[in-house]
Amino acid sequence: MYHVPKGPYADIMYPAEAGIARCLQQSYLPLMTDTSRIDELEIRVAHQEQTIEDLNSAITAQWKIIDKLERELSRLTDRVSSAEDSLADAPPAHQPPPHY
């Protein structure tokens, strides 16, 4: 059994506890019928399915962006590598002339 606060100020000092206790004692909590429970569950399932579809769309869009960025990164890595190779073959910029 749930503890019921007692005294003249119980509702003021413990409003939630007093309210819950009264509801439980008086069977005030409305009981859902089977059809209303099924309706509520169907509504929840519909919302969850929509959320799953939205998340799937977002993930698909993100993967397309990631694939595009990976291809661009690979292309830029190749460009930097070829630029470094061409700089390694070039003579140093501050080399003194050969007649010194």
PDB file of N, CA and C in Angstrom:
ATOM      1  N   MET A   1       0.845  -1.184   0.000  1.00  0.00           N
ATOM      2  CA  MET A   1       0.000   0.000   0.000  1.00  0.00           C
ATOM      3  C   MET A   1       0.885   1.240   0.000  1.00  0.00           C
ATOM      4  N   TYR A   2       0.431   2.251  -0.650  1.00  0.00           N
ATOM      5  CA  TYR A   2       1.182   3.499  -0.767  1.00  0.00           C
ATOM      6  C   TYR A   2       0.990   4.319   0.498  1.00  0.00           C
ATOM      7  N   HIS A   3       2.033   4.983   0.961  1.00  0.00           N
ATOM      8  CA  HIS A   3       1.965   5.826   2.160  1.00  0.00           C
ATOM      9  C   HIS A   3       1.147   7.083   1.858  1.00  0.00           C
ATOM     10  N   VAL A   4       0.158   7.339   2.701  1.00  0.00           N
ATOM     11  CA  VAL A   4      -0.679   8.521   2.537  1.00  0.00           C
ATOM     12  C   VAL A   4      -0.242   9.568   3.552  1.00  0.00           C
ATOM     13  N   PRO A   5       0.217  10.743   3.086  1.00  0.00           N
ATOM     14  CA  PRO A   5       0.573  11.793   4.034  1.00  0.00           C
ATOM     15  C   PRO A   5      -0.657  12.206   4.830  1.00  0.00           C
ATOM     16  N   LYS A   6      -0.453  12.465   6.120  1.00  0.00           N
ATOM     17  CA  LYS A   6      -1.569  12.836   6.984  1.00  0.00           C
ATOM     18  C   LYS A   6      -1.339  14.219   7.560  1.00  0.00           C
ATOM     19  N   GLY A   7      -2.380  14.818   8.025  1.00  0.00           N
ATOM     20  CA  GLY A   7      -2.298  16.115   8.668  1.00  0.00           C
ATOM     21  C   GLY A   7      -2.976  17.183   7.830  1.00  0.00           C
ATOM     22  N   PRO A   8      -3.213  18.334   8.452  1.00  0.00           N
ATOM     23  CA  PRO A   8      -3.955  19.394   7.757  1.00  0.00           C
ATOM     24  C   PRO A   8      -3.186  19.981   6.574  1.00  0.00           C
ATOM     25  N   TYR A   9      -1.865  19.881   6.590  1.00  0.00           N
ATOM     26  CA  TYR A   9      -1.064  20.474   5.514  1.00  0.00           C
ATOM     27  C   TYR A   9      -0.434  19.429   4.596  1.00  0.00           C
ATOM     28  N   ALA A  10      -0.901  18.228   4.625  1.00  0.00           N
ATOM     29  CA  ALA A  10      -0.302  17.157   3.834  1.00  0.00           C
ATOM     30  C   ALA A  10      -0.395  17.434   2.341  1.00  0.00           C
ATOM     31  N   ASP A  11      -1.537  17.957   1.885  1.00  0.00           N
ATOM     32  CA  ASP A  11      -1.688  18.253   0.461  1.00  0.00           C
ATOM     33  C   ASP A  11      -0.768  19.379   0.018  1.00  0.00           C
ATOM     34  N   ILE A  12      -0.466  20.292   0.913  1.00  0.00           N
ATOM     35  CA  ILE A  12       0.402  21.425   0.571  1.00  0.00           C
ATOM     36  C   ILE A  12       1.866  20.991   0.605  1.00  0.00           C
ATOM     37  N   MET A  13       2.230  20.214   1.616  1.00  0.00           N
ATOM     38  CA  MET A  13       3.623  19.812   1.776  1.00  0.00           C
ATOM     39  C   MET A  13       4.015  18.701   0.813  1.00  0.00           C
ATOM     40  N   TYR A  14       3.098  17.809   0.525  1.00  0.00           N
ATOM     41  CA  TYR A  14       3.385  16.660  -0.341  1.00  0.00           C
ATOM     42  C   TYR A  14       2.279  16.512  -1.383  1.00  0.00           C
ATOM     43  N   PRO A  15       2.099  17.488  -2.279  1.00  0.00           N
ATOM     44  CA  PRO A  15       0.953  17.421  -3.189  1.00  0.00           C
ATOM     45  C   PRO A  15       0.977  16.215  -4.117  1.00  0.00           C
ATOM     46  N   ALA A  16       2.145  15.863  -4.644  1.00  0.00           N
ATOM     47  CA  ALA A  16       2.201  14.733  -5.579  1.00  0.00           C
ATOM     48  C   ALA A  16       1.903  13.426  -4.869  1.00  0.00           C
ATOM     49  N   GLU A  17       2.535  13.245  -3.707  1.00  0.00           N
ATOM     50  CA  GLU A  17       2.319  12.004  -2.974  1.00  0.00           C
ATOM     51  C   GLU A  17       0.873  11.867  -2.534  1.00  0.00           C
ATOM     52  N   ALA A  18       0.295  12.958  -2.056  1.00  0.00           N
ATOM     53  CA  ALA A  18      -1.090  12.905  -1.603  1.00  0.00           C
ATOM     54  C   ALA A  18      -2.022  12.608  -2.767  1.00  0.00           C
ATOM     55  N   GLY A  19      -1.754  13.228  -3.907  1.00  0.00           N
ATOM     56  CA  GLY A  19      -2.598  13.000  -5.077  1.00  0.00           C
ATOM     57  C   GLY A  19      -2.498  11.571  -5.581  1.00  0.00           C
ATOM     58  N   ILE A  20      -1.295  11.034  -5.639  1.00  0.00           N
ATOM     59  CA  ILE A  20      -1.102   9.656  -6.105  1.00  0.00           C
ATOM     60  C   ILE A  20      -1.778   8.687  -5.142  1.00  0.00           C
ATOM     61  N   ALA A  21      -1.584   8.935  -3.858  1.00  0.00           N
ATOM     62  CA  ALA A  21      -2.186   8.042  -2.866  1.00  0.00           C
ATOM     63  C   ALA A  21      -3.706   8.058  -2.973  1.00  0.00           C
ATOM     64  N   ARG A  22      -4.292   9.238  -3.128  1.00  0.00           N
ATOM     65  CA  ARG A  22      -5.753   9.329  -3.263  1.00  0.00           C
ATOM     66  C   ARG A  22      -6.229   8.604  -4.504  1.00  0.00           C
ATOM     67  N   CYS A  23      -5.503   8.775  -5.608  1.00  0.00           N
ATOM     68  CA  CYS A  23      -5.897   8.114  -6.852  1.00  0.00           C
ATOM     69  C   CYS A  23      -5.846   6.601  -6.707  1.00  0.00           C
ATOM     70  N   LEU A  24      -4.786   6.115  -6.074  1.00  0.00           N
ATOM     71  CA  LEU A  24      -4.660   4.672  -5.907  1.00  0.00           C
ATOM     72  C   LEU A  24      -5.712   4.124  -4.953  1.00  0.00           C
ATOM     73  N   GLN A  25      -6.001   4.859  -3.896  1.00  0.00           N
ATOM     74  CA  GLN A  25      -6.986   4.387  -2.923  1.00  0.00           C
ATOM     75  C   GLN A  25      -8.391   4.408  -3.502  1.00  0.00           C
ATOM     76  N   GLN A  26      -8.712   5.412  -4.298  1.00  0.00           N
ATOM     77  CA  GLN A  26     -10.062   5.555  -4.825  1.00  0.00           C
ATOM     78  C   GLN A  26     -10.214   4.889  -6.186  1.00  0.00           C
ATOM     79  N   SER A  27      -9.169   4.242  -6.658  1.00  0.00           N
ATOM     80  CA  SER A  27      -9.159   3.679  -8.004  1.00  0.00           C
ATOM     81  C   SER A  27      -9.566   4.745  -9.017  1.00  0.00           C
ATOM     82  N   TYR A  28      -8.991   5.915  -8.836  1.00  0.00           N
ATOM     83  CA  TYR A  28      -9.328   7.063  -9.674  1.00  0.00           C
ATOM     84  C   TYR A  28      -8.661   6.981 -11.042  1.00  0.00           C
ATOM     85  N   LEU A  29      -7.562   6.243 -11.132  1.00  0.00           N
ATOM     86  CA  LEU A  29      -6.862   6.138 -12.407  1.00  0.00           C
ATOM     87  C   LEU A  29      -7.772   5.468 -13.423  1.00  0.00           C
ATOM     88  N   PRO A  30      -8.017   6.126 -14.551  1.00  0.00           N
ATOM     89  CA  PRO A  30      -8.926   5.531 -15.534  1.00  0.00           C
ATOM     90  C   PRO A  30      -8.294   4.291 -16.166  1.00  0.00           C
ATOM     91  N   LEU A  31      -9.066   3.261 -16.277  1.00  0.00           N
ATOM     92  CA  LEU A  31      -8.595   2.052 -16.923  1.00  0.00           C
ATOM     93  C   LEU A  31      -8.898   2.152 -18.405  1.00  0.00           C
ATOM     94  N   MET A  32      -7.898   1.811 -19.221  1.00  0.00           N
ATOM     95  CA  MET A  32      -8.085   1.876 -20.668  1.00  0.00           C
ATOM     96  C   MET A  32      -8.734   0.583 -21.133  1.00  0.00           C
ATOM     97  N   THR A  33      -9.658   0.720 -22.052  1.00  0.00           N
ATOM     98  CA  THR A  33     -10.267  -0.470 -22.626  1.00  0.00           C
ATOM     99  C   THR A  33      -9.296  -1.075 -23.622  1.00  0.00           C
ATOM    100  N   ASP A  34      -9.564  -2.292 -24.019  1.00  0.00           N
ATOM    101  CA  ASP A  34      -8.673  -2.966 -24.966  1.00  0.00           C
ATOM    102  C   ASP A  34      -8.590  -2.208 -26.279  1.00  0.00           C
ATOM    103  N   THR A  35      -9.714  -1.709 -26.769  1.00  0.00           N
ATOM    104  CA  THR A  35      -9.683  -0.986 -28.054  1.00  0.00           C
ATOM    105  C   THR A  35      -8.917   0.314 -27.933  1.00  0.00           C
ATOM    106  N   SER A  36      -9.069   1.014 -26.817  1.00  0.00           N
ATOM    107  CA  SER A  36      -8.317   2.272 -26.678  1.00  0.00           C
ATOM    108  C   SER A  36      -6.823   1.990 -26.529  1.00  0.00           C
ATOM    109  N   ARG A  37      -6.472   0.892 -25.865  1.00  0.00           N
ATOM    110  CA  ARG A  37      -5.066   0.518 -25.750  1.00  0.00           C
ATOM    111  C   ARG A  37      -4.500   0.159 -27.119  1.00  0.00           C
ATOM    112  N   ILE A  38      -5.260  -0.582 -27.904  1.00  0.00           N
ATOM    113  CA  ILE A  38      -4.808  -0.956 -29.248  1.00  0.00           C
ATOM    114  C   ILE A  38      -4.667   0.286 -30.118  1.00  0.00           C
ATOM    115  N   ASP A  39      -5.640   1.197 -30.026  1.00  0.00           N
ATOM    116  CA  ASP A  39      -5.558   2.445 -30.794  1.00  0.00           C
ATOM    117  C   ASP A  39      -4.309   3.230 -30.413  1.00  0.00           C
ATOM    118  N   GLU A  40      -4.051   3.331 -29.110  1.00  0.00           N
ATOM    119  CA  GLU A  40      -2.872   4.055 -28.635  1.00  0.00           C
ATOM    120  C   GLU A  40      -1.589   3.395 -29.145  1.00  0.00           C
ATOM    121  N   LEU A  41      -1.531   2.083 -29.106  1.00  0.00           N
ATOM    122  CA  LEU A  41      -0.354   1.372 -29.603  1.00  0.00           C
ATOM    123  C   LEU A  41      -0.171   1.555 -31.103  1.00  0.00           C
ATOM    124  N   GLU A  42      -1.270   1.528 -31.860  1.00  0.00           N
ATOM    125  CA  GLU A  42      -1.181   1.737 -33.305  1.00  0.00           C
ATOM    126  C   GLU A  42      -0.682   3.144 -33.620  1.00  0.00           C
ATOM    127  N   ILE A  43      -1.115   4.121 -32.848  1.00  0.00           N
ATOM    128  CA  ILE A  43      -0.643   5.499 -33.055  1.00  0.00           C
ATOM    129  C   ILE A  43       0.854   5.581 -32.772  1.00  0.00           C
ATOM    130  N   ARG A  44       1.280   4.956 -31.682  1.00  0.00           N
ATOM    131  CA  ARG A  44       2.708   4.969 -31.344  1.00  0.00           C
ATOM    132  C   ARG A  44       3.530   4.287 -32.428  1.00  0.00           C
ATOM    133  N   VAL A  45       3.053   3.150 -32.926  1.00  0.00           N
ATOM    134  CA  VAL A  45       3.772   2.429 -33.972  1.00  0.00           C
ATOM    135  C   VAL A  45       3.877   3.284 -35.236  1.00  0.00           C
ATOM    136  N   ALA A  46       2.784   3.970 -35.582  1.00  0.00           N
ATOM    137  CA  ALA A  46       2.801   4.828 -36.770  1.00  0.00           C
ATOM    138  C   ALA A  46       3.834   5.940 -36.615  1.00  0.00           C
ATOM    139  N   HIS A  47       3.893   6.552 -35.443  1.00  0.00           N
ATOM    140  CA  HIS A  47       4.880   7.610 -35.204  1.00  0.00           C
ATOM    141  C   HIS A  47       6.303   7.045 -35.226  1.00  0.00           C
ATOM    142  N   GLN A  48       6.479   5.867 -34.669  1.00  0.00           N
ATOM    143  CA  GLN A  48       7.810   5.255 -34.676  1.00  0.00           C
ATOM    144  C   GLN A  48       8.240   4.891 -36.095  1.00  0.00           C
ATOM    145  N   GLU A  49       7.309   4.393 -36.895  1.00  0.00           N
ATOM    146  CA  GLU A  49       7.647   4.070 -38.286  1.00  0.00           C
ATOM    147  C   GLU A  49       8.046   5.322 -39.050  1.00  0.00           C
ATOM    148  N   GLN A  50       7.333   6.431 -38.825  1.00  0.00           N
ATOM    149  CA  GLN A  50       7.683   7.682 -39.492  1.00  0.00           C
ATOM    150  C   GLN A  50       9.059   8.158 -39.039  1.00  0.00           C
ATOM    151  N   THR A  51       9.337   8.038 -37.758  1.00  0.00           N
ATOM    152  CA  THR A  51      10.641   8.442 -37.237  1.00  0.00           C
ATOM    153  C   THR A  51      11.751   7.595 -37.844  1.00  0.00           C
ATOM    154  N   ILE A  52      11.512   6.294 -37.958  1.00  0.00           N
ATOM    155  CA  ILE A  52      12.509   5.400 -38.556  1.00  0.00           C
ATOM    156  C   ILE A  52      12.749   5.777 -40.017  1.00  0.00           C
ATOM    157  N   GLU A  53      11.694   6.080 -40.754  1.00  0.00           N
ATOM    158  CA  GLU A  53      11.856   6.491 -42.156  1.00  0.00           C
ATOM    159  C   GLU A  53      12.629   7.799 -42.260  1.00  0.00           C
ATOM    160  N   ASP A  54      12.327   8.748 -41.378  1.00  0.00           N
ATOM    161  CA  ASP A  54      13.050  10.025 -41.382  1.00  0.00           C
ATOM    162  C   ASP A  54      14.530   9.821 -41.074  1.00  0.00           C
ATOM    163  N   LEU A  55      14.811   8.984 -40.077  1.00  0.00           N
ATOM    164  CA  LEU A  55      16.206   8.716 -39.724  1.00  0.00           C
ATOM    165  C   LEU A  55      16.929   7.998 -40.858  1.00  0.00           C
ATOM    166  N   ASN A  56      16.255   7.071 -41.501  1.00  0.00           N
ATOM    167  CA  ASN A  56      16.856   6.347 -42.626  1.00  0.00           C
ATOM    168  C   ASN A  56      17.185   7.313 -43.763  1.00  0.00           C
ATOM    169  N   SER A  57      16.285   8.235 -44.045  1.00  0.00           N
ATOM    170  CA  SER A  57      16.544   9.232 -45.094  1.00  0.00           C
ATOM    171  C   SER A  57      17.741  10.106 -44.733  1.00  0.00           C
ATOM    172  N   ALA A  58      17.816  10.502 -43.471  1.00  0.00           N
ATOM    173  CA  ALA A  58      18.939  11.339 -43.040  1.00  0.00           C
ATOM    174  C   ALA A  58      20.252  10.577 -43.152  1.00  0.00           C
ATOM    175  N   ILE A  59      20.247   9.324 -42.750  1.00  0.00           N
ATOM    176  CA  ILE A  59      21.473   8.520 -42.826  1.00  0.00           C
ATOM    177  C   ILE A  59      21.885   8.309 -44.279  1.00  0.00           C
ATOM    178  N   THR A  60      20.918   8.046 -45.150  1.00  0.00           N
ATOM    179  CA  THR A  60      21.228   7.854 -46.573  1.00  0.00           C
ATOM    180  C   THR A  60      21.849   9.121 -47.159  1.00  0.00           C
ATOM    181  N   ALA A  61      21.274  10.274 -46.836  1.00  0.00           N
ATOM    182  CA  ALA A  61      21.822  11.541 -47.331  1.00  0.00           C
ATOM    183  C   ALA A  61      23.233  11.771 -46.790  1.00  0.00           C
ATOM    184  N   GLN A  62      23.448  11.444 -45.525  1.00  0.00           N
ATOM    185  CA  GLN A  62      24.767  11.628 -44.940  1.00  0.00           C
ATOM    186  C   GLN A  62      25.796  10.705 -45.594  1.00  0.00           C
ATOM    187  N   TRP A  63      25.413   9.472 -45.898  1.00  0.00           N
ATOM    188  CA  TRP A  63      26.354   8.556 -46.556  1.00  0.00           C
ATOM    189  C   TRP A  63      26.713   9.040 -47.949  1.00  0.00           C
ATOM    190  N   LYS A  64      25.751   9.632 -48.662  1.00  0.00           N
ATOM    191  CA  LYS A  64      26.063  10.189 -49.984  1.00  0.00           C
ATOM    192  C   LYS A  64      27.090  11.301 -49.856  1.00  0.00           C
ATOM    193  N   ILE A  65      26.914  12.147 -48.847  1.00  0.00           N
ATOM    194  CA  ILE A  65      27.869  13.243 -48.623  1.00  0.00           C
ATOM    195  C   ILE A  65      29.230  12.682 -48.236  1.00  0.00           C
ATOM    196  N   ILE A  66      29.237  11.682 -47.370  1.00  0.00           N
ATOM    197  CA  ILE A  66      30.507  11.074 -46.940  1.00  0.00           C
ATOM    198  C   ILE A  66      31.238  10.457 -48.131  1.00  0.00           C
ATOM    199  N   ASP A  67      30.512   9.746 -48.997  1.00  0.00           N
ATOM    200  CA  ASP A  67      31.144   9.155 -50.185  1.00  0.00           C
ATOM    201  C   ASP A  67      31.743  10.230 -51.081  1.00  0.00           C
ATOM    202  N   LYS A  68      31.002  11.307 -51.287  1.00  0.00           N
ATOM    203  CA  LYS A  68      31.500  12.408 -52.113  1.00  0.00           C
ATOM    204  C   LYS A  68      32.759  13.018 -51.490  1.00  0.00           C
ATOM    205  N   LEU A  69      32.750  13.230 -50.171  1.00  0.00           N
ATOM    206  CA  LEU A  69      33.905  13.814 -49.498  1.00  0.00           C
ATOM    207  C   LEU A  69      35.109  12.870 -49.525  1.00  0.00           C
ATOM    208  N   GLU A  70      34.865  11.560 -49.419  1.00  0.00           N
ATOM    209  CA  GLU A  70      35.980  10.607 -49.504  1.00  0.00           C
ATOM    210  C   GLU A  70      36.617  10.621 -50.884  1.00  0.00           C
ATOM    211  N   ARG A  71      35.803  10.705 -51.943  1.00  0.00           N
ATOM    212  CA  ARG A  71      36.361  10.779 -53.302  1.00  0.00           C
ATOM    213  C   ARG A  71      37.159  12.070 -53.474  1.00  0.00           C
ATOM    214  N   GLU A  72      36.637  13.180 -52.952  1.00  0.00           N
ATOM    215  CA  GLU A  72      37.340  14.453 -53.070  1.00  0.00           C
ATOM    216  C   GLU A  72      38.646  14.423 -52.271  1.00  0.00           C
ATOM    217  N   LEU A  73      38.617  13.814 -51.093  1.00  0.00           N
ATOM    218  CA  LEU A  73      39.832  13.700 -50.292  1.00  0.00           C
ATOM    219  C   LEU A  73      40.879  12.861 -51.010  1.00  0.00           C
ATOM    220  N   SER A  74      40.463  11.782 -51.627  1.00  0.00           N
ATOM    221  CA  SER A  74      41.396  10.940 -52.372  1.00  0.00           C
ATOM    222  C   SER A  74      42.015  11.716 -53.533  1.00  0.00           C
ATOM    223  N   ARG A  75      41.176  12.463 -54.247  1.00  0.00           N
ATOM    224  CA  ARG A  75      41.671  13.253 -55.373  1.00  0.00           C
ATOM    225  C   ARG A  75      42.670  14.309 -54.891  1.00  0.00           C
ATOM    226  N   LEU A  76      42.356  14.986 -53.788  1.00  0.00           N
ATOM    227  CA  LEU A  76      43.256  16.019 -53.268  1.00  0.00           C
ATOM    228  C   LEU A  76      44.550  15.405 -52.723  1.00  0.00           C
ATOM    229  N   THR A  77      44.458  14.223 -52.134  1.00  0.00           N
ATOM    230  CA  THR A  77      45.661  13.538 -51.655  1.00  0.00           C
ATOM    231  C   THR A  77      46.579  13.199 -52.820  1.00  0.00           C
ATOM    232  N   ASP A  78      45.992  12.743 -53.922  1.00  0.00           N
ATOM    233  CA  ASP A  78      46.794  12.452 -55.117  1.00  0.00           C
ATOM    234  C   ASP A  78      47.452  13.718 -55.656  1.00  0.00           C
ATOM    235  N   ARG A  79      46.728  14.824 -55.661  1.00  0.00           N
ATOM    236  CA  ARG A  79      47.294  16.089 -56.162  1.00  0.00           C
ATOM    237  C   ARG A  79      48.452  16.551 -55.287  1.00  0.00           C
ATOM    238  N   VAL A  80      48.291  16.459 -53.966  1.00  0.00           N
ATOM    239  CA  VAL A  80      49.360  16.879 -53.062  1.00  0.00           C
ATOM    240  C   VAL A  80      50.573  15.971 -53.225  1.00  0.00           C
ATOM    241  N   SER A  81      50.328  14.683 -53.379  1.00  0.00           N
ATOM    242  CA  SER A  81      51.428  13.740 -53.557  1.00  0.00           C
ATOM    243  C   SER A  81      52.198  14.037 -54.839  1.00  0.00           C
ATOM    244  N   SER A  82      51.485  14.298 -55.921  1.00  0.00           N
ATOM    245  CA  SER A  82      52.172  14.600 -57.184  1.00  0.00           C
ATOM    246  C   SER A  82      52.884  15.946 -57.097  1.00  0.00           C
ATOM    247  N   ALA A  83      52.318  16.909 -56.377  1.00  0.00           N
ATOM    248  CA  ALA A  83      52.992  18.201 -56.204  1.00  0.00           C
ATOM    249  C   ALA A  83      54.265  18.033 -55.393  1.00  0.00           C
ATOM    250  N   GLU A  84      54.217  17.187 -54.355  1.00  0.00           N
ATOM    251  CA  GLU A  84      55.423  16.948 -53.560  1.00  0.00           C
ATOM    252  C   GLU A  84      56.493  16.250 -54.388  1.00  0.00           C
ATOM    253  N   ASP A  85      56.078  15.327 -55.246  1.00  0.00           N
ATOM    254  CA  ASP A  85      57.041  14.631 -56.102  1.00  0.00           C
ATOM    255  C   ASP A  85      57.700  15.602 -57.082  1.00  0.00           C
ATOM    256  N   SER A  86      56.919  16.508 -57.630  1.00  0.00           N
ATOM    257  CA  SER A  86      57.487  17.455 -58.594  1.00  0.00           C
ATOM    258  C   SER A  86      58.418  18.449 -57.897  1.00  0.00           C
ATOM    259  N   LEU A  87      58.134  18.784 -56.650  1.00  0.00           N
ATOM    260  CA  LEU A  87      59.024  19.676 -55.900  1.00  0.00           C
ATOM    261  C   LEU A  87      60.332  18.974 -55.525  1.00  0.00           C
ATOM    262  N   ALA A  88      60.260  17.670 -55.293  1.00  0.00           N
ATOM    263  CA  ALA A  88      61.482  16.931 -54.946  1.00  0.00           C
ATOM    264  C   ALA A  88      62.429  16.861 -56.133  1.00  0.00           C
ATOM    265  N   ASP A  89      61.898  16.830 -57.353  1.00  0.00           N
ATOM    266  CA  ASP A  89      62.735  16.762 -58.553  1.00  0.00           C
ATOM    267  C   ASP A  89      63.301  18.125 -58.937  1.00  0.00           C
ATOM    268  N   ALA A  90      62.696  19.200 -58.505  1.00  0.00           N
ATOM    269  CA  ALA A  90      63.148  20.548 -58.870  1.00  0.00           C
ATOM    270  C   ALA A  90      64.374  20.916 -58.041  1.00  0.00           C
ATOM    271  N   PRO A  91      65.239  21.767 -58.616  1.00  0.00           N
ATOM    272  CA  PRO A  91      66.420  22.208 -57.850  1.00  0.00           C
ATOM    273  C   PRO A  91      65.971  23.117 -56.705  1.00  0.00           C
ATOM    274  N   PRO A  92      66.742  23.168 -55.640  1.00  0.00           N
ATOM    275  CA  PRO A  92      66.379  24.035 -54.526  1.00  0.00           C
ATOM    276  C   PRO A  92      66.296  25.489 -54.978  1.00  0.00           C
ATOM    277  N   ALA A  93      65.422  26.238 -54.367  1.00  0.00           N
ATOM    278  CA  ALA A  93      65.179  27.623 -54.777  1.00  0.00           C
ATOM    279  C   ALA A  93      66.345  28.542 -54.424  1.00  0.00           C
ATOM    280  N   HIS A  94      67.087  28.258 -53.369  1.00  0.00           N
ATOM    281  CA  HIS A  94      68.157  29.151 -52.920  1.00  0.00           C
ATOM    282  C   HIS A  94      69.547  28.538 -53.142  1.00  0.00           C
ATOM    283  N   GLN A  95      69.700  27.814 -54.187  1.00  0.00           N
ATOM    284  CA  GLN A  95      71.010  27.213 -54.500  1.00  0.00           C
ATOM    285  C   GLN A  95      71.867  28.291 -55.175  1.00  0.00           C
ATOM    286  N   PRO A  96      73.103  28.407 -54.741  1.00  0.00           N
ATOM    287  CA  PRO A  96      73.967  29.405 -55.387  1.00  0.00           C
ATOM    288  C   PRO A  96      74.288  28.996 -56.831  1.00  0.00           C
ATOM    289  N   PRO A  97      74.533  29.924 -57.679  1.00  0.00           N
ATOM    290  CA  PRO A  97      74.865  29.611 -59.070  1.00  0.00           C
ATOM    291  C   PRO A  97      76.112  28.716 -59.139  1.00  0.00           C
ATOM    292  N   PRO A  98      76.279  27.940 -60.215  1.00  0.00           N
ATOM    293  CA  PRO A  98      77.410  27.015 -60.304  1.00  0.00           C
ATOM    294  C   PRO A  98      78.778  27.698 -60.400  1.00  0.00           C
ATOM    295  N   HIS A  99      78.874  28.956 -60.800  1.00  0.00           N
ATOM    296  CA  HIS A  99      80.183  29.581 -60.953  1.00  0.00           C
ATOM    297  C   HIS A  99      80.762  30.078 -59.635  1.00  0.00           C
ATOM    298  N   TYR A 100      80.140  29.924 -58.520  1.00  0.00           N
ATOM    299  CA  TYR A 100      80.717  30.359 -57.242  1.00  0.00           C
ATOM    300  C   TYR A 100      81.718  29.410 -56.746  1.00  0.00           C
TER     301      TYR A 100
END
